[in-house]
Protein backbone atom coordinates (compact mmCIF):
# COMPACT_ATOMS: atom_id res chain seq x y z
CA MET A 1 28.70 45.49 55.22
CA THR A 2 26.39 47.84 53.37
CA THR A 3 27.82 50.20 50.78
CA THR A 4 26.57 52.39 48.01
CA SER A 5 27.55 51.69 44.42
CA GLY A 6 29.73 54.78 44.28
CA LEU A 7 29.94 57.62 41.82
CA ALA A 8 29.94 55.41 38.73
CA TRP A 9 26.23 54.60 39.10
CA LYS A 10 24.95 57.82 40.66
CA MET A 11 22.66 60.28 38.99
CA PRO A 12 23.40 63.90 39.94
CA GLY A 13 21.84 64.65 43.32
CA ARG A 14 21.14 61.00 44.21
CA VAL A 15 22.27 59.93 47.67
CA GLY A 16 21.40 56.22 47.66
CA ASP A 17 19.77 54.12 50.36
CA SER A 18 22.84 53.12 52.39
CA PRO A 19 23.19 56.39 54.36
CA ILE A 20 19.44 56.61 55.03
CA LEU A 21 18.86 54.81 58.33
CA GLY A 22 16.11 52.24 58.00
CA ALA A 23 16.42 51.95 54.23
CA GLY A 24 19.63 50.16 53.19
CA LEU A 25 20.79 49.37 56.72
CA TYR A 26 19.26 49.30 60.19
CA VAL A 27 20.65 47.98 63.47
CA ASP A 28 19.13 47.67 66.93
CA GLY A 29 21.62 45.90 69.19
CA SER A 30 18.86 44.34 71.29
CA VAL A 31 17.01 42.94 68.25
CA GLY A 32 19.31 42.50 65.27
CA ALA A 33 20.37 44.00 61.97
CA ALA A 34 19.38 44.04 58.32
CA GLY A 35 21.30 45.29 55.32
CA SER A 36 20.70 45.08 51.61
CA THR A 37 21.90 45.33 48.07
CA GLY A 38 19.93 46.04 44.94
CA ARG A 39 17.48 48.77 43.98
CA GLY A 40 17.97 51.43 46.64
CA GLU A 41 14.83 53.35 45.72
CA ALA A 42 12.71 50.32 46.71
CA ASN A 43 14.44 50.27 50.10
CA ILE A 44 13.98 53.99 50.59
CA PHE A 45 10.29 53.87 49.68
CA ASN A 46 9.57 50.96 52.04
CA LEU A 47 12.25 51.50 54.74
CA CYS A 48 12.88 47.78 54.37
CA SER A 49 15.76 47.32 56.80
CA PHE A 50 13.75 49.03 59.54
CA LEU A 51 10.72 46.91 58.61
CA ILE A 52 12.80 43.73 58.93
CA VAL A 53 14.24 44.64 62.34
CA GLU A 54 10.79 45.62 63.63
CA ALA A 55 9.37 42.28 62.43
CA MET A 56 12.13 40.51 64.37
CA ARG A 57 11.27 42.65 67.41
CA ARG A 58 7.77 41.15 67.18
CA GLY A 59 9.30 37.65 67.16
CA ALA A 60 9.71 36.88 63.45
CA HIS A 61 12.63 34.75 62.33
CA PRO A 62 15.08 36.69 60.09
CA LYS A 63 13.95 34.75 57.00
CA ASP A 64 10.28 35.51 57.62
CA ALA A 65 11.04 39.17 58.36
CA GLY A 66 13.04 39.47 55.13
CA MET A 67 10.30 37.82 53.08
CA GLU A 68 7.83 40.32 54.53
CA ALA A 69 10.00 43.15 53.20
CA LEU A 70 10.27 41.52 49.76
CA ARG A 71 6.49 41.07 49.60
CA ARG A 72 6.09 44.75 50.55
CA ILE A 73 8.43 45.80 47.73
CA LYS A 74 6.56 43.60 45.25
CA ALA A 75 3.20 45.03 46.35
CA THR A 76 4.31 48.67 46.22
CA THR A 77 6.09 48.47 42.87
CA VAL A 78 3.43 49.81 40.51
CA GLU A 79 5.29 51.94 37.94
CA LYS A 80 5.12 50.20 34.57
CA ARG A 81 8.80 50.92 33.83
CA LEU A 82 9.70 48.89 36.94
CA LEU A 83 7.57 45.85 36.07
CA LYS A 84 8.14 42.81 33.91
CA ARG A 85 5.40 41.53 31.61
CA ASP A 86 4.19 39.20 34.37
CA GLY A 87 3.68 42.16 36.74
CA ASN A 88 6.64 41.38 39.00
CA PRO A 89 9.48 43.85 39.68
CA ASN A 90 12.18 44.00 37.00
CA PHE A 91 14.93 44.71 39.51
CA TYR A 92 16.92 42.87 42.13
CA VAL A 93 16.92 43.27 45.91
CA ARG A 94 18.71 41.08 48.46
CA PHE A 95 18.70 41.30 52.28
CA TYR A 96 21.16 39.82 54.77
CA ILE A 97 19.76 39.62 58.26
CA ILE A 98 20.93 38.57 61.72
CA SER A 99 19.07 38.55 65.01
CA ALA A 100 20.57 39.34 68.40
CA ARG A 101 19.99 35.64 69.21
CA GLY A 102 22.33 34.66 66.36
CA GLU A 103 19.65 33.53 63.88
CA TYR A 104 20.40 34.63 60.32
CA ALA A 105 19.06 34.56 56.80
CA GLY A 106 19.64 35.85 53.32
CA VAL A 107 16.61 36.55 51.15
CA ALA A 108 16.31 37.82 47.60
CA MET A 109 13.58 38.97 45.25
CA TYR A 110 14.76 36.39 42.68
CA ASP A 111 16.78 33.20 43.02
CA THR A 112 19.11 34.29 40.23
CA THR A 113 20.71 37.69 39.60
CA ASP A 114 20.34 39.47 36.27
CA LYS A 115 23.87 38.24 35.44
CA GLY A 116 22.80 34.61 35.97
CA ALA A 117 24.53 33.96 39.31
CA LYS A 118 22.64 32.28 42.14
CA ALA A 119 21.58 34.60 44.96
CA ASN A 120 23.94 34.09 47.91
CA PHE A 121 25.05 35.85 51.07
CA ALA A 122 28.23 35.62 53.12
CA LEU A 123 28.41 34.65 56.78
CA CYS A 124 31.24 34.11 59.21
CA ASN A 125 30.50 32.32 62.49
CA GLU A 126 32.10 29.62 64.65
CA GLY A 127 32.12 27.41 61.54
CA GLY A 128 34.25 29.94 59.68
CA PRO A 129 33.46 31.97 56.57
CA GLN A 130 30.70 30.60 54.37
CA THR A 131 28.70 31.52 51.30
CA LEU A 132 25.09 30.43 51.71
CA PRO A 133 22.13 30.47 49.33
CA CYS A 134 19.43 33.09 49.72
CA GLU A 135 15.79 32.13 50.01
CA ALA A 136 14.01 33.72 47.05
CA LEU A 137 10.55 35.21 46.86
CA LEU A 138 10.29 34.67 43.10
CA PRO A 139 11.86 32.15 40.71
CA GLY A 140 14.06 33.18 37.81
CA LYS A 141 15.75 36.52 37.43
CA PRO A 142 14.60 40.12 37.16
CA THR A 143 15.30 40.26 33.44
CA ASP A 144 13.28 37.15 32.43
């Protein structure tokens, strides 16, 4: 499920990435789906969910496709206000991805959220509901 954070976190006039196809969510029934949580502007700028599904269309595993999107976000984040002292993004992004073949992955910019929780994603399959760890592009958390 992909949702927007609601009115509490919206600036006047801001739509968010969830309703923009290809940004916060993208599905192609013959290939797979990708959704996200985190900094919506990074998803809008890079059309990350579309990028992930297109990478899977070319044969990438969901984890590899998600990591490609995270690397793209990292490379295109150049505004100083969005960077930590080490030059990495100071915000969080997480993707949950499933292919039409049933392969899945959760990937995150950092292995820990800004609140200190480990990056996880939820999955329900023949084994029942599960919470699984995300593969992280960067160690630590966005506020380190």
